[in-house]
Amino acid sequence: MKISIDVDCSPEEARRFLGLPDVTAVNETLVAALKARMTESLAATGPEAVMKAWFPAGAPGMDQWRAFWSGLAAATQEKGERK
């Protein structure tokens, strides 16, 4: 026997019904602080610094990533051909 119950309510109504605390103000404060810190960090560093942080090895690092994905695609194709 299977019984299904659908409850149609908003997240706010569900939170109140379950007795959970309202953390909206805390969440808004946290998001505002994170936005401020991110904006501050991005303003302090230029695009070159961001690229160096994301791709520390430069062009050779990009070549390694390309080789990795190419090898993965080739291995996937080979498995498909064996079936």
PDB file of N, CA and C in Angstrom:
ATOM      1  N   MET A   1       0.848  -1.162   0.000  1.00  0.00           N
ATOM      2  CA  MET A   1       0.000   0.000   0.000  1.00  0.00           C
ATOM      3  C   MET A   1       0.901   1.234   0.000  1.00  0.00           C
ATOM      4  N   LYS A   2       0.548   2.183  -0.829  1.00  0.00           N
ATOM      5  CA  LYS A   2       1.334   3.407  -0.923  1.00  0.00           C
ATOM      6  C   LYS A   2       0.397   4.589  -0.737  1.00  0.00           C
ATOM      7  N   ILE A   3       0.774   5.484   0.176  1.00  0.00           N
ATOM      8  CA  ILE A   3      -0.028   6.675   0.439  1.00  0.00           C
ATOM      9  C   ILE A   3       0.832   7.893   0.147  1.00  0.00           C
ATOM     10  N   SER A   4       0.297   8.822  -0.609  1.00  0.00           N
ATOM     11  CA  SER A   4       0.998  10.061  -0.923  1.00  0.00           C
ATOM     12  C   SER A   4       0.203  11.238  -0.395  1.00  0.00           C
ATOM     13  N   ILE A   5       0.924  12.191   0.203  1.00  0.00           N
ATOM     14  CA  ILE A   5       0.292  13.415   0.691  1.00  0.00           C
ATOM     15  C   ILE A   5       1.035  14.588   0.081  1.00  0.00           C
ATOM     16  N   ASP A   6       0.335  15.450  -0.608  1.00  0.00           N
ATOM     17  CA  ASP A   6       0.923  16.652  -1.182  1.00  0.00           C
ATOM     18  C   ASP A   6       0.534  17.850  -0.328  1.00  0.00           C
ATOM     19  N   VAL A   7       1.519  18.624   0.061  1.00  0.00           N
ATOM     20  CA  VAL A   7       1.271  19.826   0.854  1.00  0.00           C
ATOM     21  C   VAL A   7       1.646  21.025  -0.003  1.00  0.00           C
ATOM     22  N   ASP A   8       0.702  21.913  -0.198  1.00  0.00           N
ATOM     23  CA  ASP A   8       0.937  23.098  -1.006  1.00  0.00           C
ATOM     24  C   ASP A   8       1.107  24.297  -0.077  1.00  0.00           C
ATOM     25  N   CYS A   9       2.376  24.687   0.136  1.00  0.00           N
ATOM     26  CA  CYS A   9       2.647  25.840   0.985  1.00  0.00           C
ATOM     27  C   CYS A   9       3.954  26.488   0.546  1.00  0.00           C
ATOM     28  N   SER A  10       4.140  27.708   0.960  1.00  0.00           N
ATOM     29  CA  SER A  10       5.369  28.423   0.618  1.00  0.00           C
ATOM     30  C   SER A  10       6.485  27.978   1.568  1.00  0.00           C
ATOM     31  N   PRO A  11       7.730  28.245   1.207  1.00  0.00           N
ATOM     32  CA  PRO A  11       8.828  27.913   2.117  1.00  0.00           C
ATOM     33  C   PRO A  11       8.680  28.609   3.476  1.00  0.00           C
ATOM     34  N   GLU A  12       8.166  29.827   3.462  1.00  0.00           N
ATOM     35  CA  GLU A  12       7.953  30.567   4.716  1.00  0.00           C
ATOM     36  C   GLU A  12       6.920  29.857   5.592  1.00  0.00           C
ATOM     37  N   GLU A  13       5.830  29.404   4.985  1.00  0.00           N
ATOM     38  CA  GLU A  13       4.798  28.695   5.740  1.00  0.00           C
ATOM     39  C   GLU A  13       5.339  27.369   6.282  1.00  0.00           C
ATOM     40  N   ALA A  14       6.114  26.658   5.497  1.00  0.00           N
ATOM     41  CA  ALA A  14       6.689  25.386   5.952  1.00  0.00           C
ATOM     42  C   ALA A  14       7.657  25.624   7.113  1.00  0.00           C
ATOM     43  N   ARG A  15       8.467  26.693   7.022  1.00  0.00           N
ATOM     44  CA  ARG A  15       9.411  27.006   8.085  1.00  0.00           C
ATOM     45  C   ARG A  15       8.672  27.285   9.390  1.00  0.00           C
ATOM     46  N   ARG A  16       7.619  28.082   9.307  1.00  0.00           N
ATOM     47  CA  ARG A  16       6.847  28.396  10.520  1.00  0.00           C
ATOM     48  C   ARG A  16       6.162  27.157  11.088  1.00  0.00           C
ATOM     49  N   PHE A  17       5.596  26.334  10.209  1.00  0.00           N
ATOM     50  CA  PHE A  17       4.906  25.128  10.660  1.00  0.00           C
ATOM     51  C   PHE A  17       5.862  24.180  11.377  1.00  0.00           C
ATOM     52  N   LEU A  18       7.102  24.052  10.859  1.00  0.00           N
ATOM     53  CA  LEU A  18       8.078  23.156  11.459  1.00  0.00           C
ATOM     54  C   LEU A  18       8.808  23.788  12.645  1.00  0.00           C
ATOM     55  N   GLY A  19       8.571  25.066  12.876  1.00  0.00           N
ATOM     56  CA  GLY A  19       9.189  25.731  14.018  1.00  0.00           C
ATOM     57  C   GLY A  19      10.652  26.072  13.818  1.00  0.00           C
ATOM     58  N   LEU A  20      11.067  26.223  12.568  1.00  0.00           N
ATOM     59  CA  LEU A  20      12.461  26.561  12.280  1.00  0.00           C
ATOM     60  C   LEU A  20      12.673  28.063  12.426  1.00  0.00           C
ATOM     61  N   PRO A  21      13.869  28.469  12.808  1.00  0.00           N
ATOM     62  CA  PRO A  21      14.126  29.904  12.993  1.00  0.00           C
ATOM     63  C   PRO A  21      14.185  30.652  11.655  1.00  0.00           C
ATOM     64  N   ASP A  22      13.861  31.925  11.692  1.00  0.00           N
ATOM     65  CA  ASP A  22      13.930  32.768  10.505  1.00  0.00           C
ATOM     66  C   ASP A  22      15.345  33.336  10.404  1.00  0.00           C
ATOM     67  N   VAL A  23      16.087  32.899   9.401  1.00  0.00           N
ATOM     68  CA  VAL A  23      17.482  33.330   9.238  1.00  0.00           C
ATOM     69  C   VAL A  23      17.636  34.268   8.044  1.00  0.00           C
ATOM     70  N   THR A  24      16.557  34.890   7.621  1.00  0.00           N
ATOM     71  CA  THR A  24      16.593  35.777   6.459  1.00  0.00           C
ATOM     72  C   THR A  24      17.559  36.933   6.674  1.00  0.00           C
ATOM     73  N   ALA A  25      17.494  37.577   7.833  1.00  0.00           N
ATOM     74  CA  ALA A  25      18.360  38.726   8.110  1.00  0.00           C
ATOM     75  C   ALA A  25      19.831  38.314   8.136  1.00  0.00           C
ATOM     76  N   VAL A  26      20.112  37.165   8.727  1.00  0.00           N
ATOM     77  CA  VAL A  26      21.489  36.669   8.785  1.00  0.00           C
ATOM     78  C   VAL A  26      21.997  36.364   7.382  1.00  0.00           C
ATOM     79  N   ASN A  27      21.157  35.737   6.574  1.00  0.00           N
ATOM     80  CA  ASN A  27      21.533  35.402   5.204  1.00  0.00           C
ATOM     81  C   ASN A  27      21.802  36.666   4.382  1.00  0.00           C
ATOM     82  N   GLU A  28      20.944  37.664   4.506  1.00  0.00           N
ATOM     83  CA  GLU A  28      21.135  38.912   3.758  1.00  0.00           C
ATOM     84  C   GLU A  28      22.432  39.600   4.164  1.00  0.00           C
ATOM     85  N   THR A  29      22.739  39.596   5.460  1.00  0.00           N
ATOM     86  CA  THR A  29      23.978  40.204   5.948  1.00  0.00           C
ATOM     87  C   THR A  29      25.191  39.457   5.413  1.00  0.00           C
ATOM     88  N   LEU A  30      25.130  38.139   5.443  1.00  0.00           N
ATOM     89  CA  LEU A  30      26.231  37.314   4.952  1.00  0.00           C
ATOM     90  C   LEU A  30      26.461  37.521   3.455  1.00  0.00           C
ATOM     91  N   VAL A  31      25.398  37.544   2.678  1.00  0.00           N
ATOM     92  CA  VAL A  31      25.522  37.741   1.238  1.00  0.00           C
ATOM     93  C   VAL A  31      26.094  39.121   0.929  1.00  0.00           C
ATOM     94  N   ALA A  32      25.645  40.136   1.650  1.00  0.00           N
ATOM     95  CA  ALA A  32      26.167  41.490   1.437  1.00  0.00           C
ATOM     96  C   ALA A  32      27.664  41.550   1.757  1.00  0.00           C
ATOM     97  N   ALA A  33      28.078  40.897   2.847  1.00  0.00           N
ATOM     98  CA  ALA A  33      29.494  40.884   3.228  1.00  0.00           C
ATOM     99  C   ALA A  33      30.328  40.148   2.181  1.00  0.00           C
ATOM    100  N   LEU A  34      29.828  39.027   1.689  1.00  0.00           N
ATOM    101  CA  LEU A  34      30.552  38.277   0.657  1.00  0.00           C
ATOM    102  C   LEU A  34      30.680  39.084  -0.638  1.00  0.00           C
ATOM    103  N   LYS A  35      29.605  39.767  -1.024  1.00  0.00           N
ATOM    104  CA  LYS A  35      29.668  40.605  -2.223  1.00  0.00           C
ATOM    105  C   LYS A  35      30.712  41.702  -2.059  1.00  0.00           C
ATOM    106  N   ALA A  36      30.727  42.327  -0.884  1.00  0.00           N
ATOM    107  CA  ALA A  36      31.686  43.402  -0.637  1.00  0.00           C
ATOM    108  C   ALA A  36      33.117  42.885  -0.702  1.00  0.00           C
ATOM    109  N   ARG A  37      33.369  41.723  -0.095  1.00  0.00           N
ATOM    110  CA  ARG A  37      34.720  41.154  -0.112  1.00  0.00           C
ATOM    111  C   ARG A  37      35.141  40.755  -1.513  1.00  0.00           C
ATOM    112  N   MET A  38      34.229  40.190  -2.291  1.00  0.00           N
ATOM    113  CA  MET A  38      34.561  39.794  -3.659  1.00  0.00           C
ATOM    114  C   MET A  38      34.862  41.016  -4.517  1.00  0.00           C
ATOM    115  N   THR A  39      34.053  42.055  -4.380  1.00  0.00           N
ATOM    116  CA  THR A  39      34.271  43.278  -5.143  1.00  0.00           C
ATOM    117  C   THR A  39      35.609  43.895  -4.770  1.00  0.00           C
ATOM    118  N   GLU A  40      35.908  43.902  -3.473  1.00  0.00           N
ATOM    119  CA  GLU A  40      37.171  44.429  -2.969  1.00  0.00           C
ATOM    120  C   GLU A  40      38.353  43.654  -3.556  1.00  0.00           C
ATOM    121  N   SER A  41      38.262  42.347  -3.530  1.00  0.00           N
ATOM    122  CA  SER A  41      39.347  41.497  -4.033  1.00  0.00           C
ATOM    123  C   SER A  41      39.549  41.672  -5.530  1.00  0.00           C
ATOM    124  N   LEU A  42      38.457  41.723  -6.280  1.00  0.00           N
ATOM    125  CA  LEU A  42      38.576  41.875  -7.723  1.00  0.00           C
ATOM    126  C   LEU A  42      39.113  43.257  -8.103  1.00  0.00           C
ATOM    127  N   ALA A  43      38.759  44.260  -7.319  1.00  0.00           N
ATOM    128  CA  ALA A  43      39.251  45.610  -7.608  1.00  0.00           C
ATOM    129  C   ALA A  43      40.743  45.714  -7.308  1.00  0.00           C
ATOM    130  N   ALA A  44      41.205  44.985  -6.292  1.00  0.00           N
ATOM    131  CA  ALA A  44      42.611  45.051  -5.893  1.00  0.00           C
ATOM    132  C   ALA A  44      43.521  44.304  -6.866  1.00  0.00           C
ATOM    133  N   THR A  45      42.996  43.300  -7.523  1.00  0.00           N
ATOM    134  CA  THR A  45      43.811  42.521  -8.453  1.00  0.00           C
ATOM    135  C   THR A  45      43.361  42.785  -9.879  1.00  0.00           C
ATOM    136  N   GLY A  46      44.301  42.767 -10.772  1.00  0.00           N
ATOM    137  CA  GLY A  46      43.992  42.975 -12.177  1.00  0.00           C
ATOM    138  C   GLY A  46      43.647  41.667 -12.851  1.00  0.00           C
ATOM    139  N   PRO A  47      43.258  41.728 -14.100  1.00  0.00           N
ATOM    140  CA  PRO A  47      42.893  40.519 -14.837  1.00  0.00           C
ATOM    141  C   PRO A  47      44.056  39.534 -14.965  1.00  0.00           C
ATOM    142  N   GLU A  48      45.278  40.054 -15.051  1.00  0.00           N
ATOM    143  CA  GLU A  48      46.434  39.170 -15.176  1.00  0.00           C
ATOM    144  C   GLU A  48      46.608  38.317 -13.922  1.00  0.00           C
ATOM    145  N   ALA A  49      46.427  38.916 -12.756  1.00  0.00           N
ATOM    146  CA  ALA A  49      46.556  38.170 -11.500  1.00  0.00           C
ATOM    147  C   ALA A  49      45.476  37.101 -11.383  1.00  0.00           C
ATOM    148  N   VAL A  50      44.270  37.429 -11.830  1.00  0.00           N
ATOM    149  CA  VAL A  50      43.175  36.449 -11.782  1.00  0.00           C
ATOM    150  C   VAL A  50      43.494  35.269 -12.699  1.00  0.00           C
ATOM    151  N   MET A  51      43.978  35.548 -13.908  1.00  0.00           N
ATOM    152  CA  MET A  51      44.316  34.469 -14.830  1.00  0.00           C
ATOM    153  C   MET A  51      45.450  33.604 -14.285  1.00  0.00           C
ATOM    154  N   LYS A  52      46.430  34.229 -13.642  1.00  0.00           N
ATOM    155  CA  LYS A  52      47.530  33.452 -13.062  1.00  0.00           C
ATOM    156  C   LYS A  52      47.033  32.569 -11.930  1.00  0.00           C
ATOM    157  N   ALA A  53      46.067  33.049 -11.163  1.00  0.00           N
ATOM    158  CA  ALA A  53      45.514  32.248 -10.073  1.00  0.00           C
ATOM    159  C   ALA A  53      44.694  31.075 -10.610  1.00  0.00           C
ATOM    160  N   TRP A  54      43.938  31.320 -11.676  1.00  0.00           N
ATOM    161  CA  TRP A  54      43.096  30.269 -12.245  1.00  0.00           C
ATOM    162  C   TRP A  54      43.886  29.278 -13.076  1.00  0.00           C
ATOM    163  N   PHE A  55      44.884  29.754 -13.807  1.00  0.00           N
ATOM    164  CA  PHE A  55      45.696  28.907 -14.671  1.00  0.00           C
ATOM    165  C   PHE A  55      47.165  29.131 -14.341  1.00  0.00           C
ATOM    166  N   PRO A  56      47.643  28.544 -13.227  1.00  0.00           N
ATOM    167  CA  PRO A  56      49.000  28.831 -12.762  1.00  0.00           C
ATOM    168  C   PRO A  56      50.101  28.412 -13.737  1.00  0.00           C
ATOM    169  N   ALA A  57      49.870  27.425 -14.559  1.00  0.00           N
ATOM    170  CA  ALA A  57      50.925  26.949 -15.450  1.00  0.00           C
ATOM    171  C   ALA A  57      50.930  27.680 -16.788  1.00  0.00           C
ATOM    172  N   GLY A  58      49.991  28.576 -17.007  1.00  0.00           N
ATOM    173  CA  GLY A  58      49.941  29.318 -18.266  1.00  0.00           C
ATOM    174  C   GLY A  58      49.580  28.431 -19.441  1.00  0.00           C
ATOM    175  N   ALA A  59      50.229  28.667 -20.571  1.00  0.00           N
ATOM    176  CA  ALA A  59      49.935  27.908 -21.793  1.00  0.00           C
ATOM    177  C   ALA A  59      50.216  26.418 -21.640  1.00  0.00           C
ATOM    178  N   PRO A  60      51.337  26.014 -21.001  1.00  0.00           N
ATOM    179  CA  PRO A  60      51.549  24.567 -20.832  1.00  0.00           C
ATOM    180  C   PRO A  60      50.437  23.904 -20.005  1.00  0.00           C
ATOM    181  N   GLY A  61      49.930  24.625 -19.020  1.00  0.00           N
ATOM    182  CA  GLY A  61      48.835  24.083 -18.218  1.00  0.00           C
ATOM    183  C   GLY A  61      47.581  23.885 -19.053  1.00  0.00           C
ATOM    184  N   MET A  62      47.306  24.830 -19.932  1.00  0.00           N
ATOM    185  CA  MET A  62      46.153  24.701 -20.814  1.00  0.00           C
ATOM    186  C   MET A  62      46.328  23.514 -21.765  1.00  0.00           C
ATOM    187  N   ASP A  63      47.554  23.315 -22.254  1.00  0.00           N
ATOM    188  CA  ASP A  63      47.830  22.171 -23.130  1.00  0.00           C
ATOM    189  C   ASP A  63      47.607  20.858 -22.385  1.00  0.00           C
ATOM    190  N   GLN A  64      47.984  20.815 -21.111  1.00  0.00           N
ATOM    191  CA  GLN A  64      47.770  19.607 -20.313  1.00  0.00           C
ATOM    192  C   GLN A  64      46.275  19.323 -20.155  1.00  0.00           C
ATOM    193  N   TRP A  65      45.488  20.378 -19.897  1.00  0.00           N
ATOM    194  CA  TRP A  65      44.043  20.192 -19.771  1.00  0.00           C
ATOM    195  C   TRP A  65      43.451  19.687 -21.080  1.00  0.00           C
ATOM    196  N   ARG A  66      43.877  20.270 -22.192  1.00  0.00           N
ATOM    197  CA  ARG A  66      43.366  19.851 -23.498  1.00  0.00           C
ATOM    198  C   ARG A  66      43.721  18.386 -23.754  1.00  0.00           C
ATOM    199  N   ALA A  67      44.962  17.998 -23.442  1.00  0.00           N
ATOM    200  CA  ALA A  67      45.390  16.609 -23.638  1.00  0.00           C
ATOM    201  C   ALA A  67      44.588  15.667 -22.745  1.00  0.00           C
ATOM    202  N   PHE A  68      44.322  16.094 -21.514  1.00  0.00           N
ATOM    203  CA  PHE A  68      43.532  15.270 -20.590  1.00  0.00           C
ATOM    204  C   PHE A  68      42.138  15.006 -21.155  1.00  0.00           C
ATOM    205  N   TRP A  69      41.439  16.066 -21.593  1.00  0.00           N
ATOM    206  CA  TRP A  69      40.084  15.908 -22.099  1.00  0.00           C
ATOM    207  C   TRP A  69      40.061  15.149 -23.425  1.00  0.00           C
ATOM    208  N   SER A  70      41.073  15.348 -24.253  1.00  0.00           N
ATOM    209  CA  SER A  70      41.151  14.603 -25.512  1.00  0.00           C
ATOM    210  C   SER A  70      41.338  13.114 -25.243  1.00  0.00           C
ATOM    211  N   GLY A  71      42.216  12.791 -24.293  1.00  0.00           N
ATOM    212  CA  GLY A  71      42.431  11.395 -23.917  1.00  0.00           C
ATOM    213  C   GLY A  71      41.186  10.757 -23.340  1.00  0.00           C
ATOM    214  N   LEU A  72      40.466  11.523 -22.536  1.00  0.00           N
ATOM    215  CA  LEU A  72      39.231  11.017 -21.945  1.00  0.00           C
ATOM    216  C   LEU A  72      38.188  10.758 -23.026  1.00  0.00           C
ATOM    217  N   ALA A  73      38.074  11.669 -23.977  1.00  0.00           N
ATOM    218  CA  ALA A  73      37.114  11.484 -25.072  1.00  0.00           C
ATOM    219  C   ALA A  73      37.489  10.269 -25.921  1.00  0.00           C
ATOM    220  N   ALA A  74      38.782  10.099 -26.185  1.00  0.00           N
ATOM    221  CA  ALA A  74      39.233   8.955 -26.984  1.00  0.00           C
ATOM    222  C   ALA A  74      38.952   7.648 -26.252  1.00  0.00           C
ATOM    223  N   ALA A  75      39.194   7.612 -24.958  1.00  0.00           N
ATOM    224  CA  ALA A  75      38.939   6.398 -24.182  1.00  0.00           C
ATOM    225  C   ALA A  75      37.454   6.066 -24.166  1.00  0.00           C
ATOM    226  N   THR A  76      36.613   7.075 -24.091  1.00  0.00           N
ATOM    227  CA  THR A  76      35.169   6.855 -24.099  1.00  0.00           C
ATOM    228  C   THR A  76      34.730   6.301 -25.447  1.00  0.00           C
ATOM    229  N   GLN A  77      35.297   6.817 -26.523  1.00  0.00           N
ATOM    230  CA  GLN A  77      34.953   6.325 -27.863  1.00  0.00           C
ATOM    231  C   GLN A  77      35.382   4.879 -28.038  1.00  0.00           C
ATOM    232  N   GLU A  78      36.564   4.544 -27.547  1.00  0.00           N
ATOM    233  CA  GLU A  78      37.066   3.172 -27.676  1.00  0.00           C
ATOM    234  C   GLU A  78      36.155   2.203 -26.941  1.00  0.00           C
ATOM    235  N   LYS A  79      35.673   2.569 -25.752  1.00  0.00           N
ATOM    236  CA  LYS A  79      34.782   1.688 -25.002  1.00  0.00           C
ATOM    237  C   LYS A  79      33.482   1.490 -25.763  1.00  0.00           C
ATOM    238  N   GLY A  80      32.993   2.537 -26.412  1.00  0.00           N
ATOM    239  CA  GLY A  80      31.751   2.436 -27.183  1.00  0.00           C
ATOM    240  C   GLY A  80      31.905   1.528 -28.387  1.00  0.00           C
ATOM    241  N   GLU A  81      33.096   1.478 -29.004  1.00  0.00           N
ATOM    242  CA  GLU A  81      33.322   0.651 -30.180  1.00  0.00           C
ATOM    243  C   GLU A  81      33.453  -0.817 -29.827  1.00  0.00           C
ATOM    244  N   ARG A  82      33.884  -1.140 -28.626  1.00  0.00           N
ATOM    245  CA  ARG A  82      34.071  -2.532 -28.219  1.00  0.00           C
ATOM    246  C   ARG A  82      32.762  -3.264 -28.037  1.00  0.00           C
ATOM    247  N   LYS A  83      31.703  -2.558 -27.718  1.00  0.00           N
ATOM    248  CA  LYS A  83      30.414  -3.213 -27.423  1.00  0.00           C
ATOM    249  C   LYS A  83      29.793  -3.823 -28.619  1.00  0.00           C
TER     250      LYS A  83
END
